[in-house]
Amino acid sequence: MVEFFIALYGGFFGAGLGIMLMGGLFMLWVHDIQTNNALKNLLGAIVTAVSVLVLSLSGLVS
């Protein structure tokens, strides 16, 4: 649930998304820093791609 709210925030306003994702993953017991960073990069790319797709298809981007 924590990651969902972070994804909502990151899709709308991407500043600080990486730090928030790393903190959320750490709270979800991903304590290995390299695994945490890799998951952060993957989730950040997914969040950004989905938000760009949604905003483009909704007509909010001119």
Protein backbone atom coordinates (compact mmCIF):
# COMPACT_ATOMS: atom_id res chain seq x y z
CA MET A 1 0.00 0.00 0.00
CA VAL A 2 2.91 2.33 0.72
CA GLU A 3 4.35 1.83 -2.76
CA PHE A 4 0.94 2.58 -4.32
CA PHE A 5 0.78 6.03 -2.72
CA ILE A 6 4.39 6.70 -3.64
CA ALA A 7 3.55 5.74 -7.25
CA LEU A 8 0.60 8.15 -7.27
CA TYR A 9 2.83 10.93 -6.03
CA GLY A 10 5.63 10.04 -8.46
CA GLY A 11 3.33 9.86 -11.47
CA PHE A 12 2.08 13.36 -10.86
CA PHE A 13 5.16 15.02 -9.39
CA GLY A 14 8.39 13.06 -9.98
CA ALA A 15 10.70 15.04 -7.68
CA GLY A 16 12.04 12.85 -4.90
CA LEU A 17 10.44 9.69 -6.29
CA GLY A 18 13.67 7.68 -6.03
CA ILE A 19 14.25 8.51 -2.39
CA MET A 20 10.64 7.77 -1.51
CA LEU A 21 10.75 4.46 -3.38
CA MET A 22 13.94 3.42 -1.61
CA GLY A 23 12.40 4.30 1.76
CA GLY A 24 9.23 2.40 0.93
CA LEU A 25 11.17 -0.65 -0.21
CA PHE A 26 13.27 -0.50 2.94
CA MET A 27 10.06 -0.53 5.00
CA LEU A 28 8.98 -3.60 2.99
CA TRP A 29 12.12 -5.46 4.17
CA VAL A 30 14.34 -5.01 1.10
CA HIS A 31 17.49 -4.24 3.10
CA ASP A 32 20.15 -5.10 0.50
CA ILE A 33 21.08 -1.69 -0.93
CA GLN A 34 21.88 -3.02 -4.41
CA THR A 35 18.59 -4.91 -4.68
CA ASN A 36 16.75 -1.91 -3.29
CA ASN A 37 18.36 0.40 -5.86
CA ALA A 38 17.61 -1.98 -8.74
CA LEU A 39 13.96 -2.27 -7.71
CA LYS A 40 13.78 1.52 -7.31
CA ASN A 41 15.01 2.00 -10.87
CA LEU A 42 12.58 -0.57 -12.25
CA LEU A 43 9.60 0.82 -10.33
CA GLY A 44 10.52 4.40 -11.22
CA ALA A 45 10.62 3.53 -14.92
CA ILE A 46 7.25 1.77 -14.70
CA VAL A 47 5.63 4.64 -12.78
CA THR A 48 6.94 7.18 -15.27
CA ALA A 49 5.88 5.13 -18.31
CA VAL A 50 2.37 4.57 -16.98
CA SER A 51 1.91 8.22 -16.03
CA VAL A 52 3.10 9.40 -19.46
CA LEU A 53 0.73 6.95 -21.14
CA VAL A 54 -2.25 7.99 -19.01
CA LEU A 55 -1.62 11.71 -19.41
CA SER A 56 -1.07 11.35 -23.17
CA LEU A 57 -4.21 9.31 -23.77
CA SER A 58 -6.39 11.53 -21.58
CA GLY A 59 -5.60 14.62 -23.67
CA LEU A 60 -4.06 16.56 -20.79
CA VAL A 61 -0.79 16.98 -22.71
CA SER A 62 -0.94 19.42 -25.62
